[in-house]
């Protein structure tokens, strides 16, 4: 893979992770999971003012993106925050914002 393809793949990955977090309730779920080592589905459902089916859909999006983990346990299962993945996303966003800060020092670009 060349540098351009690698950069494109990294940009796609960051965008996908950011998209998974692009809902306030998903951010809330991640914060909830970051506040403890793991959490049962029942605890998550009880902590949120949404229907169980809606919470389940949000959990599915976060799981598919790799931002949270899941293991079946009984009828509800166990969820946890994938801290390494969240740290990777945080680092990528920090890098992007750092680039924006640096480019703003030189003034606006022209077309």
N, C-alpha and C. Protein backbone atom coordinates (compact mmCIF):
# COMPACT_ATOMS: atom_id res chain seq x y z
N UNK A 1 0.85 -1.18 0.00
CA UNK A 1 0.00 0.00 0.00
C UNK A 1 0.89 1.23 0.00
N UNK A 2 0.63 2.18 -0.91
CA UNK A 2 1.43 3.38 -0.95
C UNK A 2 0.96 4.38 0.11
N UNK A 3 1.71 5.47 0.26
CA UNK A 3 1.39 6.46 1.30
C UNK A 3 0.01 7.07 1.12
N UNK A 4 -0.34 7.34 -0.13
CA UNK A 4 -1.64 7.95 -0.40
C UNK A 4 -2.78 7.00 -0.03
N UNK A 5 -2.63 5.73 -0.38
CA UNK A 5 -3.66 4.74 -0.04
C UNK A 5 -3.74 4.53 1.47
N UNK A 6 -2.59 4.53 2.13
CA UNK A 6 -2.57 4.38 3.59
C UNK A 6 -3.25 5.57 4.26
N UNK A 7 -2.98 6.77 3.75
CA UNK A 7 -3.62 7.96 4.30
C UNK A 7 -5.12 7.90 4.09
N UNK A 8 -5.54 7.50 2.91
CA UNK A 8 -6.97 7.38 2.62
C UNK A 8 -7.63 6.36 3.55
N UNK A 9 -6.98 5.23 3.76
CA UNK A 9 -7.53 4.20 4.65
C UNK A 9 -7.64 4.73 6.07
N UNK A 10 -6.64 5.48 6.52
CA UNK A 10 -6.68 6.05 7.87
C UNK A 10 -7.81 7.07 7.99
N UNK A 11 -7.99 7.88 6.95
CA UNK A 11 -9.08 8.87 6.97
C UNK A 11 -10.44 8.18 7.00
N UNK A 12 -10.59 7.11 6.23
CA UNK A 12 -11.85 6.35 6.24
C UNK A 12 -12.13 5.78 7.63
N UNK A 13 -11.09 5.26 8.25
CA UNK A 13 -11.23 4.67 9.59
C UNK A 13 -11.65 5.72 10.61
N UNK A 14 -10.98 6.87 10.61
CA UNK A 14 -11.32 7.95 11.54
C UNK A 14 -12.76 8.40 11.31
N UNK A 15 -13.14 8.57 10.05
CA UNK A 15 -14.50 9.01 9.74
C UNK A 15 -15.53 8.00 10.22
N UNK A 16 -15.24 6.72 10.05
CA UNK A 16 -16.18 5.69 10.50
C UNK A 16 -16.35 5.68 12.02
N UNK A 17 -15.23 5.84 12.72
CA UNK A 17 -15.30 5.89 14.18
C UNK A 17 -16.06 7.13 14.65
N UNK A 18 -15.76 8.27 14.02
CA UNK A 18 -16.45 9.50 14.39
C UNK A 18 -17.94 9.41 14.10
N UNK A 19 -18.28 8.77 12.98
CA UNK A 19 -19.70 8.61 12.64
C UNK A 19 -20.42 7.77 13.69
N UNK A 20 -19.74 6.75 14.19
CA UNK A 20 -20.36 5.91 15.23
C UNK A 20 -20.63 6.70 16.50
N UNK A 21 -19.83 7.71 16.78
CA UNK A 21 -20.02 8.54 17.97
C UNK A 21 -20.90 9.77 17.71
N UNK A 22 -21.38 9.92 16.49
CA UNK A 22 -22.08 11.13 16.09
C UNK A 22 -23.53 11.17 16.54
N UNK A 23 -23.79 10.70 17.71
CA UNK A 23 -25.12 10.80 18.31
C UNK A 23 -24.92 11.00 19.81
N UNK A 24 -25.60 11.97 20.40
CA UNK A 24 -25.39 12.25 21.84
C UNK A 24 -25.60 11.03 22.74
N UNK A 25 -26.55 10.17 22.40
CA UNK A 25 -26.80 9.01 23.25
C UNK A 25 -25.67 8.00 23.16
N UNK A 26 -25.02 7.91 22.00
CA UNK A 26 -23.88 7.01 21.87
C UNK A 26 -22.69 7.54 22.67
N UNK A 27 -22.52 8.84 22.66
CA UNK A 27 -21.47 9.44 23.50
C UNK A 27 -21.76 9.13 24.97
N UNK A 28 -23.01 9.25 25.34
CA UNK A 28 -23.41 8.95 26.73
C UNK A 28 -23.14 7.50 27.10
N UNK A 29 -23.43 6.59 26.19
CA UNK A 29 -23.17 5.17 26.43
C UNK A 29 -21.68 4.93 26.61
N UNK A 30 -20.86 5.51 25.76
CA UNK A 30 -19.41 5.33 25.89
C UNK A 30 -18.93 5.90 27.22
N UNK A 31 -19.42 7.06 27.59
CA UNK A 31 -19.03 7.63 28.90
C UNK A 31 -19.44 6.72 30.05
N UNK A 32 -20.62 6.16 29.96
CA UNK A 32 -21.10 5.23 30.98
C UNK A 32 -20.16 4.04 31.08
N UNK A 33 -19.78 3.49 29.93
CA UNK A 33 -18.90 2.32 29.93
C UNK A 33 -17.48 2.67 30.36
N UNK A 34 -17.04 3.88 30.10
CA UNK A 34 -15.71 4.29 30.56
C UNK A 34 -15.66 4.47 32.08
N UNK A 35 -16.81 4.66 32.68
CA UNK A 35 -16.85 4.91 34.13
C UNK A 35 -16.76 3.63 34.96
N UNK A 36 -16.75 2.47 34.30
CA UNK A 36 -16.68 1.18 35.01
C UNK A 36 -15.98 0.15 34.13
N UNK A 37 -15.48 -0.91 34.73
CA UNK A 37 -14.77 -1.92 33.93
C UNK A 37 -15.66 -2.62 32.91
N UNK A 38 -16.90 -2.90 33.28
CA UNK A 38 -17.86 -3.51 32.36
C UNK A 38 -19.26 -3.22 32.91
N UNK A 39 -20.25 -3.52 32.09
CA UNK A 39 -21.62 -3.16 32.44
C UNK A 39 -22.56 -4.14 31.77
N UNK A 40 -23.57 -4.58 32.49
CA UNK A 40 -24.56 -5.47 31.88
C UNK A 40 -25.49 -4.66 30.99
N UNK A 41 -26.10 -5.33 30.04
CA UNK A 41 -27.08 -4.66 29.20
C UNK A 41 -28.20 -4.05 30.01
N UNK A 42 -28.63 -4.75 31.05
CA UNK A 42 -29.70 -4.23 31.91
C UNK A 42 -29.33 -2.92 32.57
N UNK A 43 -28.08 -2.81 33.01
CA UNK A 43 -27.63 -1.56 33.64
C UNK A 43 -27.65 -0.41 32.63
N UNK A 44 -27.24 -0.69 31.43
CA UNK A 44 -27.25 0.35 30.39
C UNK A 44 -28.68 0.76 30.09
N UNK A 45 -29.56 -0.21 29.90
CA UNK A 45 -30.96 0.10 29.60
C UNK A 45 -31.59 0.91 30.72
N UNK A 46 -31.26 0.57 31.98
CA UNK A 46 -31.83 1.27 33.13
C UNK A 46 -31.31 2.70 33.26
N UNK A 47 -30.09 2.96 32.78
CA UNK A 47 -29.47 4.28 32.93
C UNK A 47 -29.87 5.26 31.84
N UNK A 48 -30.55 4.81 30.80
CA UNK A 48 -30.87 5.68 29.68
C UNK A 48 -32.37 5.85 29.52
N UNK A 49 -32.79 7.06 29.15
CA UNK A 49 -34.23 7.34 29.02
C UNK A 49 -34.79 6.97 27.64
N UNK A 50 -34.43 5.79 27.17
CA UNK A 50 -34.85 5.35 25.83
C UNK A 50 -35.43 3.95 25.90
N UNK A 51 -36.17 3.59 24.89
CA UNK A 51 -36.68 2.22 24.79
C UNK A 51 -35.51 1.26 24.62
N UNK A 52 -35.66 0.06 25.12
CA UNK A 52 -34.60 -0.94 25.04
C UNK A 52 -34.18 -1.18 23.59
N UNK A 53 -35.13 -1.17 22.67
CA UNK A 53 -34.79 -1.41 21.27
C UNK A 53 -33.91 -0.29 20.70
N UNK A 54 -34.15 0.93 21.15
CA UNK A 54 -33.34 2.07 20.69
C UNK A 54 -31.93 1.97 21.25
N UNK A 55 -31.83 1.63 22.52
CA UNK A 55 -30.51 1.47 23.14
C UNK A 55 -29.76 0.33 22.45
N UNK A 56 -30.45 -0.75 22.16
CA UNK A 56 -29.83 -1.88 21.47
C UNK A 56 -29.26 -1.47 20.12
N UNK A 57 -29.97 -0.63 19.41
CA UNK A 57 -29.50 -0.16 18.10
C UNK A 57 -28.23 0.69 18.27
N UNK A 58 -28.21 1.55 19.27
CA UNK A 58 -27.01 2.36 19.53
C UNK A 58 -25.83 1.47 19.91
N UNK A 59 -26.08 0.47 20.73
CA UNK A 59 -25.02 -0.46 21.11
C UNK A 59 -24.48 -1.20 19.89
N UNK A 60 -25.36 -1.58 18.99
CA UNK A 60 -24.95 -2.28 17.78
C UNK A 60 -24.02 -1.42 16.94
N UNK A 61 -24.34 -0.15 16.77
CA UNK A 61 -23.50 0.76 15.99
C UNK A 61 -22.12 0.88 16.63
N UNK A 62 -22.09 1.05 17.94
CA UNK A 62 -20.81 1.19 18.66
C UNK A 62 -19.99 -0.10 18.59
N UNK A 63 -20.66 -1.25 18.70
CA UNK A 63 -19.95 -2.54 18.60
C UNK A 63 -19.37 -2.73 17.21
N UNK A 64 -20.17 -2.46 16.18
CA UNK A 64 -19.70 -2.65 14.81
C UNK A 64 -18.51 -1.76 14.48
N UNK A 65 -18.44 -0.59 15.10
CA UNK A 65 -17.32 0.32 14.88
C UNK A 65 -16.09 -0.10 15.69
N UNK A 66 -16.29 -0.98 16.66
CA UNK A 66 -15.18 -1.42 17.49
C UNK A 66 -14.91 -0.52 18.68
N UNK A 67 -15.85 0.38 18.99
CA UNK A 67 -15.66 1.30 20.11
C UNK A 67 -16.07 0.69 21.45
N UNK A 68 -16.91 -0.33 21.40
CA UNK A 68 -17.26 -1.07 22.61
C UNK A 68 -17.17 -2.56 22.32
N UNK A 69 -16.98 -3.33 23.36
CA UNK A 69 -16.95 -4.77 23.24
C UNK A 69 -18.19 -5.37 23.88
N UNK A 70 -18.46 -6.63 23.56
CA UNK A 70 -19.63 -7.32 24.07
C UNK A 70 -19.32 -8.81 24.21
N UNK A 71 -19.84 -9.36 25.29
CA UNK A 71 -19.75 -10.80 25.50
C UNK A 71 -21.08 -11.27 26.07
N UNK A 72 -21.69 -12.30 25.45
CA UNK A 72 -22.96 -12.79 25.99
C UNK A 72 -22.78 -13.37 27.40
N UNK A 73 -23.65 -12.96 28.29
CA UNK A 73 -23.68 -13.50 29.66
C UNK A 73 -25.13 -13.55 30.11
N UNK A 74 -25.65 -14.71 30.13
CA UNK A 74 -27.06 -14.84 30.52
C UNK A 74 -27.96 -14.23 29.46
N UNK A 75 -28.96 -13.51 29.91
CA UNK A 75 -29.93 -12.94 28.98
C UNK A 75 -29.57 -11.55 28.50
N UNK A 76 -28.64 -10.86 29.14
CA UNK A 76 -28.37 -9.47 28.78
C UNK A 76 -26.99 -9.22 28.19
N UNK A 77 -25.99 -9.92 28.63
CA UNK A 77 -24.64 -9.71 28.12
C UNK A 77 -23.87 -8.65 28.88
N UNK A 78 -22.59 -8.59 28.59
CA UNK A 78 -21.67 -7.68 29.25
C UNK A 78 -21.02 -6.78 28.21
N UNK A 79 -21.01 -5.48 28.45
CA UNK A 79 -20.43 -4.49 27.53
C UNK A 79 -19.27 -3.79 28.23
N UNK A 80 -18.31 -3.34 27.44
CA UNK A 80 -17.20 -2.54 27.97
C UNK A 80 -16.71 -1.61 26.87
N UNK A 81 -16.05 -0.54 27.31
CA UNK A 81 -15.45 0.41 26.36
C UNK A 81 -14.14 -0.17 25.84
N UNK A 82 -13.92 -0.08 24.56
CA UNK A 82 -12.65 -0.49 23.95
C UNK A 82 -11.72 0.72 24.04
N UNK A 83 -11.05 0.82 25.18
CA UNK A 83 -10.26 2.00 25.49
C UNK A 83 -9.14 2.28 24.48
N UNK A 84 -8.50 1.25 23.97
CA UNK A 84 -7.43 1.46 22.98
C UNK A 84 -7.99 2.08 21.70
N UNK A 85 -9.14 1.61 21.26
CA UNK A 85 -9.75 2.15 20.05
C UNK A 85 -10.17 3.60 20.27
N UNK A 86 -10.74 3.88 21.44
CA UNK A 86 -11.13 5.26 21.75
C UNK A 86 -9.90 6.17 21.84
N UNK A 87 -8.80 5.66 22.38
CA UNK A 87 -7.57 6.44 22.46
C UNK A 87 -7.02 6.70 21.05
N UNK A 88 -7.12 5.70 20.19
CA UNK A 88 -6.67 5.87 18.79
C UNK A 88 -7.47 6.98 18.11
N UNK A 89 -8.79 6.96 18.30
CA UNK A 89 -9.64 7.99 17.73
C UNK A 89 -9.28 9.36 18.30
N UNK A 90 -9.07 9.43 19.61
CA UNK A 90 -8.70 10.69 20.25
C UNK A 90 -7.39 11.23 19.70
N UNK A 91 -6.42 10.36 19.50
CA UNK A 91 -5.13 10.78 18.94
C UNK A 91 -5.27 11.29 17.52
N UNK A 92 -6.07 10.60 16.72
CA UNK A 92 -6.27 11.02 15.33
C UNK A 92 -6.96 12.37 15.26
N UNK A 93 -7.94 12.59 16.11
CA UNK A 93 -8.64 13.87 16.12
C UNK A 93 -7.70 14.97 16.62
N UNK A 94 -6.91 14.67 17.64
CA UNK A 94 -5.95 15.66 18.15
C UNK A 94 -4.95 16.05 17.07
N UNK A 95 -4.49 15.08 16.29
CA UNK A 95 -3.57 15.36 15.18
C UNK A 95 -4.23 16.27 14.15
N UNK A 96 -5.45 15.95 13.78
CA UNK A 96 -6.18 16.76 12.81
C UNK A 96 -6.36 18.19 13.31
N UNK A 97 -6.76 18.34 14.57
CA UNK A 97 -6.96 19.68 15.13
C UNK A 97 -5.64 20.43 15.25
N UNK A 98 -4.57 19.71 15.54
CA UNK A 98 -3.24 20.33 15.58
C UNK A 98 -2.84 20.87 14.22
N UNK A 99 -3.13 20.10 13.17
CA UNK A 99 -2.85 20.56 11.80
C UNK A 99 -3.66 21.81 11.49
N UNK A 100 -4.91 21.85 11.94
CA UNK A 100 -5.75 23.02 11.70
C UNK A 100 -5.20 24.23 12.44
N UNK A 101 -4.74 24.04 13.66
CA UNK A 101 -4.18 25.15 14.43
C UNK A 101 -2.91 25.70 13.76
N UNK A 102 -2.07 24.80 13.29
CA UNK A 102 -0.84 25.23 12.61
C UNK A 102 -1.14 25.98 11.32
N UNK A 103 -2.10 25.48 10.54
CA UNK A 103 -2.40 26.14 9.27
C UNK A 103 -3.09 27.49 9.47
N UNK A 104 -3.77 27.66 10.60
CA UNK A 104 -4.45 28.93 10.85
C UNK A 104 -3.46 30.04 11.19
N UNK A 105 -2.27 29.68 11.61
CA UNK A 105 -1.24 30.67 11.94
C UNK A 105 -0.71 31.38 10.70
N UNK A 106 -0.79 30.71 9.55
CA UNK A 106 -0.26 31.29 8.31
C UNK A 106 -1.32 32.09 7.55
N UNK A 107 -2.50 32.17 8.08
CA UNK A 107 -3.57 32.92 7.43
C UNK A 107 -4.39 32.03 6.52
N UNK A 108 -5.48 32.57 5.98
CA UNK A 108 -6.36 31.76 5.13
C UNK A 108 -5.70 31.43 3.80
N UNK A 109 -5.98 30.23 3.34
CA UNK A 109 -5.50 29.81 2.02
C UNK A 109 -6.41 30.41 0.96
N UNK A 110 -5.88 30.50 -0.24
CA UNK A 110 -6.69 30.94 -1.36
C UNK A 110 -6.83 29.80 -2.35
N UNK A 111 -7.86 29.87 -3.14
CA UNK A 111 -8.10 28.82 -4.14
C UNK A 111 -7.23 29.03 -5.35
